[in-house]
Each structure stands twice: as C-alpha cells, then as structure tokens.
C-alpha atoms as a PDB file:
ATOM      1  CA  MET A   1      35.179   7.716  -4.284  1.00  0.00           C
ATOM      2  CA  SER A   2      32.336   8.159  -6.758  1.00  0.00           C
ATOM      3  CA  GLU A   3      30.627   5.123  -8.223  1.00  0.00           C
ATOM      4  CA  PRO A   4      29.333   4.345 -11.722  1.00  0.00           C
ATOM      5  CA  PHE A   5      25.590   3.984 -12.205  1.00  0.00           C
ATOM      6  CA  ASP A   6      24.368   0.510 -11.266  1.00  0.00           C
ATOM      7  CA  ALA A   7      21.134  -0.557 -12.970  1.00  0.00           C
ATOM      8  CA  ALA A   8      20.887  -3.518 -10.597  1.00  0.00           C
ATOM      9  CA  CYS A   9      21.587  -1.639  -7.356  1.00  0.00           C
ATOM     10  CA  THR A  10      19.741  -2.958  -4.276  1.00  0.00           C
ATOM     11  CA  ALA A  11      21.743  -1.067  -1.643  1.00  0.00           C
ATOM     12  CA  CYS A  12      18.636   0.446  -0.013  1.00  0.00           C
ATOM     13  CA  PRO A  13      16.553  -2.425   1.461  1.00  0.00           C
ATOM     14  CA  ARG A  14      13.313  -0.436   1.662  1.00  0.00           C
ATOM     15  CA  LEU A  15      13.542   0.750  -1.943  1.00  0.00           C
ATOM     16  CA  ALA A  16      14.666  -2.624  -3.263  1.00  0.00           C
ATOM     17  CA  GLY A  17      11.752  -4.334  -1.543  1.00  0.00           C
ATOM     18  CA  PHE A  18       9.292  -1.737  -2.811  1.00  0.00           C
ATOM     19  CA  LEU A  19      10.479  -2.190  -6.391  1.00  0.00           C
ATOM     20  CA  ALA A  20      10.293  -5.971  -6.066  1.00  0.00           C
ATOM     21  CA  ASP A  21       6.640  -5.629  -5.057  1.00  0.00           C
ATOM     22  CA  ILE A  22       5.974  -3.326  -8.002  1.00  0.00           C
ATOM     23  CA  ARG A  23       7.502  -5.803 -10.435  1.00  0.00           C
ATOM     24  CA  GLN A  24       4.954  -8.304  -9.171  1.00  0.00           C
ATOM     25  CA  SER A  25       1.963  -5.963  -9.360  1.00  0.00           C
ATOM     26  CA  HIS A  26       3.086  -4.152 -12.546  1.00  0.00           C
ATOM     27  CA  PRO A  27       5.167  -6.660 -14.534  1.00  0.00           C
ATOM     28  CA  THR A  28       5.535  -4.323 -17.544  1.00  0.00           C
ATOM     29  CA  TYR A  29       7.077  -1.509 -15.472  1.00  0.00           C
ATOM     30  CA  HIS A  30      10.800  -0.703 -15.452  1.00  0.00           C
ATOM     31  CA  ALA A  31      10.750  -0.847 -11.615  1.00  0.00           C
ATOM     32  CA  ALA A  32      14.527  -0.537 -11.224  1.00  0.00           C
ATOM     33  CA  PRO A  33      17.109   2.240 -10.855  1.00  0.00           C
ATOM     34  CA  VAL A  34      16.645   4.854 -13.589  1.00  0.00           C
ATOM     35  CA  ALA A  35      19.693   6.088 -15.482  1.00  0.00           C
ATOM     36  CA  ALA A  36      20.283   9.660 -16.607  1.00  0.00           C
ATOM     37  CA  PHE A  37      19.031  10.674 -20.046  1.00  0.00           C
ATOM     38  CA  GLY A  38      20.175  13.190 -22.630  1.00  0.00           C
ATOM     39  CA  ASP A  39      23.266  14.720 -24.168  1.00  0.00           C
ATOM     40  CA  ASP A  40      26.573  13.075 -23.215  1.00  0.00           C
ATOM     41  CA  THR A  41      28.360  16.451 -23.176  1.00  0.00           C
ATOM     42  CA  PRO A  42      25.643  18.765 -21.865  1.00  0.00           C
ATOM     43  CA  ARG A  43      25.606  22.474 -21.167  1.00  0.00           C
ATOM     44  CA  LEU A  44      23.071  21.868 -18.405  1.00  0.00           C
ATOM     45  CA  LEU A  45      22.390  18.946 -16.059  1.00  0.00           C
ATOM     46  CA  ILE A  46      18.868  19.009 -14.609  1.00  0.00           C
ATOM     47  CA  ILE A  47      18.492  17.157 -11.303  1.00  0.00           C
ATOM     48  CA  GLY A  48      15.083  16.002 -10.085  1.00  0.00           C
ATOM     49  CA  LEU A  49      14.085  14.201  -6.910  1.00  0.00           C
ATOM     50  CA  ALA A  50      13.322  10.575  -7.818  1.00  0.00           C
ATOM     51  CA  PRO A  51      11.414   8.517 -10.411  1.00  0.00           C
ATOM     52  CA  GLY A  52       7.619   8.849 -10.345  1.00  0.00           C
ATOM     53  CA  MET A  53       5.494   5.727  -9.905  1.00  0.00           C
ATOM     54  CA  HIS A  54       3.797   5.905 -13.299  1.00  0.00           C
ATOM     55  CA  GLY A  55       6.494   8.013 -14.954  1.00  0.00           C
ATOM     56  CA  ALA A  56      10.181   7.117 -14.894  1.00  0.00           C
ATOM     57  CA  ASN A  57       9.523   4.065 -12.743  1.00  0.00           C
ATOM     58  CA  LYS A  58       7.256   2.792 -15.531  1.00  0.00           C
ATOM     59  CA  THR A  59       9.174   3.937 -18.599  1.00  0.00           C
ATOM     60  CA  GLY A  60      12.776   3.792 -17.380  1.00  0.00           C
ATOM     61  CA  ARG A  61      13.541   7.388 -18.420  1.00  0.00           C
ATOM     62  CA  PRO A  62      13.563  10.483 -16.166  1.00  0.00           C
ATOM     63  CA  PHE A  63      10.361  12.566 -16.180  1.00  0.00           C
ATOM     64  CA  THR A  64       8.858  10.436 -18.958  1.00  0.00           C
ATOM     65  CA  GLY A  65       5.180   9.573 -18.832  1.00  0.00           C
ATOM     66  CA  ASP A  66       4.232  11.557 -15.735  1.00  0.00           C
ATOM     67  CA  PHE A  67       2.725  14.956 -14.948  1.00  0.00           C
ATOM     68  CA  ALA A  68       5.999  16.551 -13.833  1.00  0.00           C
ATOM     69  CA  GLY A  69       7.513  15.861 -17.233  1.00  0.00           C
ATOM     70  CA  ILE A  70       4.809  17.760 -19.113  1.00  0.00           C
ATOM     71  CA  LEU A  71       6.064  21.229 -18.180  1.00  0.00           C
ATOM     72  CA  LEU A  72       9.720  20.213 -18.235  1.00  0.00           C
ATOM     73  CA  TYR A  73       9.797  18.726 -21.715  1.00  0.00           C
ATOM     74  CA  ARG A  74       7.430  21.275 -23.234  1.00  0.00           C
ATOM     75  CA  THR A  75       9.611  24.115 -21.967  1.00  0.00           C
ATOM     76  CA  LEU A  76      12.787  22.457 -23.245  1.00  0.00           C
ATOM     77  CA  PHE A  77      11.185  22.119 -26.676  1.00  0.00           C
ATOM     78  CA  GLU A  78       9.994  25.734 -26.714  1.00  0.00           C
ATOM     79  CA  LEU A  79      13.541  26.860 -25.908  1.00  0.00           C
ATOM     80  CA  GLY A  80      14.970  24.784 -28.775  1.00  0.00           C
ATOM     81  CA  LEU A  81      16.571  22.260 -26.447  1.00  0.00           C
ATOM     82  CA  SER A  82      14.793  19.133 -27.693  1.00  0.00           C
ATOM     83  CA  ASN A  83      13.255  17.747 -30.868  1.00  0.00           C
ATOM     84  CA  ARG A  84       9.716  17.223 -29.529  1.00  0.00           C
ATOM     85  CA  PRO A  85       7.466  18.786 -26.852  1.00  0.00           C
ATOM     86  CA  ASP A  86       6.523  15.658 -24.939  1.00  0.00           C
ATOM     87  CA  ALA A  87       8.000  12.500 -23.443  1.00  0.00           C
ATOM     88  CA  LEU A  88       5.739   9.483 -23.611  1.00  0.00           C
ATOM     89  CA  SER A  89       7.990   6.424 -23.598  1.00  0.00           C
ATOM     90  CA  ALA A  90      11.654   5.485 -23.684  1.00  0.00           C
ATOM     91  CA  ASP A  91      11.435   4.698 -27.416  1.00  0.00           C
ATOM     92  CA  ASP A  92       9.535   7.804 -28.574  1.00  0.00           C
ATOM     93  CA  GLY A  93      12.536   9.286 -30.402  1.00  0.00           C
ATOM     94  CA  LEU A  94      12.996  12.210 -28.010  1.00  0.00           C
ATOM     95  CA  ARG A  95      16.443  13.807 -28.214  1.00  0.00           C
ATOM     96  CA  LEU A  96      17.804  16.562 -26.000  1.00  0.00           C
ATOM     97  CA  HIS A  97      20.206  19.233 -27.248  1.00  0.00           C
ATOM     98  CA  GLY A  98      22.834  20.207 -24.693  1.00  0.00           C
ATOM     99  CA  ILE A  99      20.672  18.935 -21.831  1.00  0.00           C
ATOM    100  CA  ARG A 100      20.972  15.919 -19.555  1.00  0.00           C
ATOM    101  CA  ILE A 101      18.424  14.904 -16.917  1.00  0.00           C
ATOM    102  CA  THR A 102      18.931  12.782 -13.814  1.00  0.00           C
ATOM    103  CA  ASN A 103      17.537  12.311 -10.300  1.00  0.00           C
ATOM    104  CA  ALA A 104      19.032  12.666  -6.843  1.00  0.00           C
ATOM    105  CA  VAL A 105      17.609   9.232  -5.985  1.00  0.00           C
ATOM    106  CA  LYS A 106      17.591   6.677  -8.802  1.00  0.00           C
ATOM    107  CA  CYS A 107      14.821   4.405  -7.443  1.00  0.00           C
ATOM    108  CA  LEU A 108      11.158   5.099  -6.782  1.00  0.00           C
ATOM    109  CA  PRO A 109      10.598   5.686  -3.036  1.00  0.00           C
ATOM    110  CA  PRO A 110       7.276   4.918  -1.317  1.00  0.00           C
ATOM    111  CA  GLN A 111       5.008   8.010  -1.408  1.00  0.00           C
ATOM    112  CA  ASN A 112       7.788   9.702  -3.395  1.00  0.00           C
ATOM    113  CA  LYS A 113       9.625  10.394  -0.125  1.00  0.00           C
ATOM    114  CA  PRO A 114      13.153   8.983   0.158  1.00  0.00           C
ATOM    115  CA  THR A 115      14.718   8.894   3.591  1.00  0.00           C
ATOM    116  CA  THR A 116      17.839  10.882   4.378  1.00  0.00           C
ATOM    117  CA  ALA A 117      19.790   7.622   4.533  1.00  0.00           C
ATOM    118  CA  GLU A 118      18.567   6.633   1.058  1.00  0.00           C
ATOM    119  CA  ILE A 119      19.490  10.022  -0.371  1.00  0.00           C
ATOM    120  CA  ARG A 120      22.970   9.681   1.095  1.00  0.00           C
ATOM    121  CA  GLN A 121      23.333   6.086  -0.118  1.00  0.00           C
ATOM    122  CA  CYS A 122      22.510   7.133  -3.682  1.00  0.00           C
ATOM    123  CA  ASN A 123      24.602  10.290  -3.629  1.00  0.00           C
ATOM    124  CA  PRO A 124      27.828   8.745  -4.990  1.00  0.00           C
ATOM    125  CA  PHE A 125      26.050   8.123  -8.297  1.00  0.00           C
ATOM    126  CA  LEU A 126      25.243  11.840  -8.576  1.00  0.00           C
ATOM    127  CA  GLN A 127      28.787  12.670  -7.534  1.00  0.00           C
ATOM    128  CA  GLN A 128      30.073  10.546 -10.415  1.00  0.00           C
ATOM    129  CA  GLU A 129      27.669  12.170 -12.851  1.00  0.00           C
ATOM    130  CA  ILE A 130      28.717  15.685 -11.896  1.00  0.00           C
ATOM    131  CA  ALA A 131      32.422  14.811 -11.936  1.00  0.00           C
ATOM    132  CA  GLY A 132      32.068  13.585 -15.512  1.00  0.00           C
ATOM    133  CA  LEU A 133      30.458  16.782 -16.818  1.00  0.00           C
ATOM    134  CA  PRO A 134      32.225  19.389 -18.937  1.00  0.00           C
ATOM    135  CA  GLN A 135      33.633  22.101 -16.679  1.00  0.00           C
ATOM    136  CA  ASP A 136      31.298  24.750 -18.103  1.00  0.00           C
ATOM    137  CA  CYS A 137      28.161  22.630 -17.634  1.00  0.00           C
ATOM    138  CA  ARG A 138      25.667  24.267 -15.304  1.00  0.00           C
ATOM    139  CA  LEU A 139      23.432  22.470 -12.794  1.00  0.00           C
ATOM    140  CA  LEU A 140      19.702  23.047 -12.293  1.00  0.00           C
ATOM    141  CA  ALA A 141      18.222  21.554  -9.118  1.00  0.00           C
ATOM    142  CA  LEU A 142      14.466  20.996  -9.097  1.00  0.00           C
ATOM    143  CA  GLY A 143      13.543  21.354  -5.449  1.00  0.00           C
ATOM    144  CA  LYS A 144      15.450  21.480  -2.175  1.00  0.00           C
ATOM    145  CA  ILE A 145      16.176  17.752  -1.951  1.00  0.00           C
ATOM    146  CA  ALA A 146      17.876  17.842  -5.353  1.00  0.00           C
ATOM    147  CA  HIS A 147      19.677  21.057  -4.395  1.00  0.00           C
ATOM    148  CA  ASP A 148      21.013  19.526  -1.175  1.00  0.00           C
ATOM    149  CA  ALA A 149      21.997  16.345  -3.033  1.00  0.00           C
ATOM    150  CA  VAL A 150      24.108  18.411  -5.421  1.00  0.00           C
ATOM    151  CA  LEU A 151      25.876  20.111  -2.522  1.00  0.00           C
ATOM    152  CA  ARG A 152      26.553  16.752  -0.881  1.00  0.00           C
ATOM    153  CA  ALA A 153      27.891  15.390  -4.175  1.00  0.00           C
ATOM    154  CA  CYS A 154      30.230  18.377  -4.353  1.00  0.00           C
ATOM    155  CA  ARG A 155      31.211  17.914  -0.672  1.00  0.00           C
ATOM    156  CA  LEU A 156      29.885  21.333   0.309  1.00  0.00           C
ATOM    157  CA  LYS A 157      28.074  22.522   3.431  1.00  0.00           C
ATOM    158  CA  LEU A 158      24.335  22.786   2.878  1.00  0.00           C
ATOM    159  CA  SER A 159      24.170  26.005   4.889  1.00  0.00           C
ATOM    160  CA  ALA A 160      26.667  27.729   2.592  1.00  0.00           C
ATOM    161  CA  PHE A 161      24.321  27.719  -0.408  1.00  0.00           C
ATOM    162  CA  PRO A 162      20.668  28.007   0.691  1.00  0.00           C
ATOM    163  CA  PHE A 163      17.925  26.856  -1.662  1.00  0.00           C
ATOM    164  CA  ALA A 164      15.480  29.403  -3.077  1.00  0.00           C
ATOM    165  CA  HIS A 165      13.524  29.486  -6.307  1.00  0.00           C
ATOM    166  CA  ALA A 166      15.533  31.279  -9.025  1.00  0.00           C
ATOM    167  CA  ALA A 167      18.626  31.397  -6.796  1.00  0.00           C
ATOM    168  CA  ARG A 168      21.998  31.278  -8.545  1.00  0.00           C
ATOM    169  CA  HIS A 169      25.117  29.946  -6.868  1.00  0.00           C
ATOM    170  CA  THR A 170      28.740  29.853  -7.947  1.00  0.00           C
ATOM    171  CA  LEU A 171      30.336  26.775  -6.414  1.00  0.00           C
ATOM    172  CA  PRO A 172      34.038  26.373  -5.615  1.00  0.00           C
ATOM    173  CA  GLY A 173      35.822  25.732  -8.895  1.00  0.00           C
ATOM    174  CA  GLY A 174      33.411  27.978 -10.775  1.00  0.00           C
ATOM    175  CA  ARG A 175      30.537  25.610 -11.610  1.00  0.00           C
ATOM    176  CA  ARG A 176      27.118  27.330 -11.515  1.00  0.00           C
ATOM    177  CA  LEU A 177      24.110  25.914  -9.664  1.00  0.00           C
ATOM    178  CA  PHE A 178      20.593  27.216 -10.340  1.00  0.00           C
ATOM    179  CA  ASP A 179      17.502  26.440  -8.267  1.00  0.00           C
ATOM    180  CA  SER A 180      13.853  25.991  -9.193  1.00  0.00           C
ATOM    181  CA  TYR A 181      10.804  24.719  -7.439  1.00  0.00           C
ATOM    182  CA  HIS A 182      10.082  21.209  -8.657  1.00  0.00           C
ATOM    183  CA  CYS A 183       7.707  21.033 -11.637  1.00  0.00           C
ATOM    184  CA  SER A 184       5.374  18.685  -9.750  1.00  0.00           C
ATOM    185  CA  ARG A 185       1.606  18.544 -10.127  1.00  0.00           C
ATOM    186  CA  TYR A 186       1.169  20.140  -6.690  1.00  0.00           C
ATOM    187  CA  ASN A 187       3.505  23.060  -7.379  1.00  0.00           C
ATOM    188  CA  THR A 188       2.072  23.850 -10.798  1.00  0.00           C
ATOM    189  CA  GLN A 189      -1.595  23.450  -9.848  1.00  0.00           C
ATOM    190  CA  THR A 190      -1.203  25.633  -6.752  1.00  0.00           C
ATOM    191  CA  ARG A 191       0.682  28.182  -8.887  1.00  0.00           C
ATOM    192  CA  ARG A 192       3.674  28.031  -6.607  1.00  0.00           C
ATOM    193  CA  LEU A 193       5.504  27.412  -9.876  1.00  0.00           C
ATOM    194  CA  THR A 194       4.072  28.975 -13.022  1.00  0.00           C
ATOM    195  CA  GLU A 195       5.096  28.240 -16.601  1.00  0.00           C
ATOM    196  CA  THR A 196       6.673  31.689 -16.817  1.00  0.00           C
ATOM    197  CA  MET A 197       8.677  31.176 -13.623  1.00  0.00           C
ATOM    198  CA  PHE A 198       9.981  27.842 -14.847  1.00  0.00           C
ATOM    199  CA  ARG A 199      10.868  29.137 -18.305  1.00  0.00           C
ATOM    200  CA  GLU A 200      12.779  32.066 -16.804  1.00  0.00           C
ATOM    201  CA  VAL A 201      14.878  29.768 -14.610  1.00  0.00           C
ATOM    202  CA  LEU A 202      15.671  27.450 -17.518  1.00  0.00           C
ATOM    203  CA  GLN A 203      16.609  30.387 -19.741  1.00  0.00           C
ATOM    204  CA  ALA A 204      18.889  31.772 -17.042  1.00  0.00           C
ATOM    205  CA  ALA A 205      20.559  28.409 -16.501  1.00  0.00           C
ATOM    206  CA  ILE A 206      21.278  28.015 -20.204  1.00  0.00           C
ATOM    207  CA  LYS A 207      22.228  31.565 -21.149  1.00  0.00           C
ATOM    208  CA  SER A 208      23.605  33.452 -18.144  1.00  0.00           C
END
C-alpha cells in the first residue's frame, strides 16, 4: 500500500542521523524530508534523485537554490511552464504551470548517494505521488536512479524498460515515461547533457 508524504519521517537511520547532524551545524537549513512542489494537477511530473545539500535540503523545495536547479527552472520558464526563470528560496513566488517536481529519495543522503535500501524504503511515497496523478500526466525521470524508482513505484521489472537519455516508454495502463540525464553540475559541465538536449527532452515530455 502506498503511503502519504511524511515530513517527519525517520525510517532510514543513516539519513535521519545525517540530517540531525546538519540541523546542528546548519540550524537555518530545512534538513528534513522535502515534499513535492508544483501544480496539483500536472501534465508532467519530474522526478529527481534526492535533495542537494545546499539546495532543497537548505530551502525545503526541490531543485531550489542549487546548481542542478539552474538549468531545470530556466528551461521550464523558457517553455512557458513557470512564471520566473530561477528558484532561489521557498518564498520567492515561483509558480509552475502544469508541472510538478519531486525526488525519488526525499531526504539528503551523504555524498548525494542513497543506498538501495534507502531508495526502496522511500519508494512508497513516490508510488503514492504517481497514483494520485491525472491519468494523462507524463513522467520525466532525471537519471537512472529516478528512472528505476519510477518502475519500482509502478511495480514493473527494471529490465523491461531500460534507461537511456531521451528514451520514451509507454507503461502498462498507458502512462508515458521519459528519460533524461540528470541536470547536475557534473553532467552539464562535461557536456554529457547540453541545454539543447535537456530542452528537447522536456519539450517531448510535454507535447508528444
């Protein structure tokens, strides 16, 4: 059974302990599970990996305040899917149009690397999120971990729908899943993911 989002979840001992330490060293940080953000009846749900240390973990909003959010939110704005091109804080007035953003893992993991057990422990929250979407809402997974988390949430075999940048999958029941490399600093600076590549995937996920 899927579970509702729990802002006080401490089910993963390693993550809970890590966040407790961060609340001591950075008392102004959110340092807790990060809820999804955006339109309540979206046309597209974007799924990232996990909160960034000085991004969502600080601000309490996905992809807000960190490098990975720069390309994401700028591209959404350029495509007419938000009211501003940047995301600086949870109270900056940003609104998304037809878009909702979440993470496969709701808590910041050490070195941004959740364990398989932590991904599985958090998966029921993503399952609940996807189950509550409009039937025609598409899914965009940023990276393989997010892609695999979506398949787990939909109770599908990972081998049946392999991850690849710009891949498009039709899941049982008709929901569409699109893949992109994650818009991380590493991927963009090494040009593994260019602005054009990312824009094309977002356009396809919204319009195709």
